[in-house]
Amino acid sequence: MLMPNLSVEKKREMIREIQTFFLEERGEEIGEIAAEICFEFIKDRLGPVFYNMAIHDARDIVEQRMQTLEEDLYALEKQ
């Protein structure tokens, strides 16, 4: 699966978010390396699930719009 290119700053921001989550929700202070390992796990194992869900949702929207467009085109036909 293609992953969007994250800037170094965006990746660091996400790693800090993981560290904050562990501290606030679990009372655990984890280091940057542990947070990065967690980030890589989420990206590699869970990311594709969310990506596929988004693609499915997008496909449904396109299909709905195509159906509407098809109906509009039939309405334009002359009797």
Protein backbone atom coordinates (compact mmCIF):
# COMPACT_ATOMS: atom_id res chain seq x y z
CA MET A 1 0.00 0.00 0.00
CA LEU A 2 1.24 3.45 -0.80
CA MET A 3 1.73 5.63 2.22
CA PRO A 4 1.70 9.38 1.88
CA ASN A 5 5.06 10.99 2.41
CA LEU A 6 5.05 12.43 5.89
CA SER A 7 7.34 15.27 6.67
CA VAL A 8 9.82 14.66 9.45
CA GLU A 9 8.03 17.26 11.55
CA LYS A 10 4.61 15.64 11.02
CA LYS A 11 5.99 12.22 12.00
CA ARG A 12 7.57 13.71 15.13
CA GLU A 13 4.27 15.39 15.96
CA MET A 14 2.45 12.07 15.68
CA ILE A 15 5.08 10.36 17.84
CA ARG A 16 4.60 13.07 20.49
CA GLU A 17 0.85 12.44 20.31
CA ILE A 18 1.47 8.75 21.06
CA GLN A 19 3.68 9.70 24.00
CA THR A 20 0.98 12.06 25.28
CA PHE A 21 -1.67 9.36 24.90
CA PHE A 22 0.33 6.86 26.93
CA LEU A 23 0.97 9.42 29.64
CA GLU A 24 -2.60 10.73 29.89
CA GLU A 25 -4.51 7.48 29.36
CA ARG A 26 -2.21 4.92 30.94
CA GLY A 27 -0.02 6.96 33.24
CA GLU A 28 3.04 5.60 31.44
CA GLU A 29 5.88 7.72 30.19
CA ILE A 30 7.35 6.17 27.06
CA GLY A 31 10.38 7.30 25.17
CA GLU A 32 10.64 8.44 21.59
CA ILE A 33 11.90 5.07 20.35
CA ALA A 34 9.00 3.18 21.96
CA ALA A 35 6.54 5.72 20.57
CA GLU A 36 8.08 5.40 17.11
CA ILE A 37 7.77 1.60 17.27
CA CYS A 38 4.11 2.07 18.20
CA PHE A 39 3.70 4.55 15.33
CA GLU A 40 5.23 2.10 12.83
CA PHE A 41 2.93 -0.67 14.10
CA ILE A 42 -0.15 1.50 13.70
CA LYS A 43 0.97 2.69 10.26
CA ASP A 44 1.85 -0.78 8.97
CA ARG A 45 -0.83 -2.94 10.59
CA LEU A 46 -3.80 -0.69 11.25
CA GLY A 47 -3.32 2.00 8.62
CA PRO A 48 -4.33 -0.28 5.74
CA VAL A 49 -7.64 -1.08 7.46
CA PHE A 50 -8.55 2.61 7.73
CA TYR A 51 -7.25 3.26 4.21
CA ASN A 52 -9.43 0.49 2.77
CA MET A 53 -12.46 1.78 4.67
CA ALA A 54 -11.89 5.25 3.20
CA ILE A 55 -11.56 3.79 -0.30
CA HIS A 56 -14.80 1.84 0.20
CA ASP A 57 -16.59 5.00 1.37
CA ALA A 58 -15.22 6.97 -1.60
CA ARG A 59 -16.33 4.22 -3.99
CA ASP A 60 -19.86 4.34 -2.53
CA ILE A 61 -20.01 8.12 -2.99
CA VAL A 62 -18.80 7.89 -6.59
CA GLU A 63 -21.33 5.16 -7.35
CA GLN A 64 -24.15 7.26 -5.84
CA ARG A 65 -23.12 10.30 -7.87
CA MET A 66 -22.85 8.24 -11.05
CA GLN A 67 -26.35 6.88 -10.48
CA THR A 68 -27.67 10.40 -10.00
CA LEU A 69 -25.85 11.58 -13.12
CA GLU A 70 -27.25 8.68 -15.11
CA GLU A 71 -30.77 9.55 -13.93
CA ASP A 72 -30.19 13.19 -14.89
CA LEU A 73 -29.02 12.16 -18.36
CA TYR A 74 -32.12 10.01 -18.90
CA ALA A 75 -34.25 12.98 -17.84
CA LEU A 76 -32.65 15.03 -20.62
CA GLU A 77 -33.69 12.62 -23.35
CA LYS A 78 -36.32 13.93 -25.70
CA GLN A 79 -39.56 12.05 -25.99
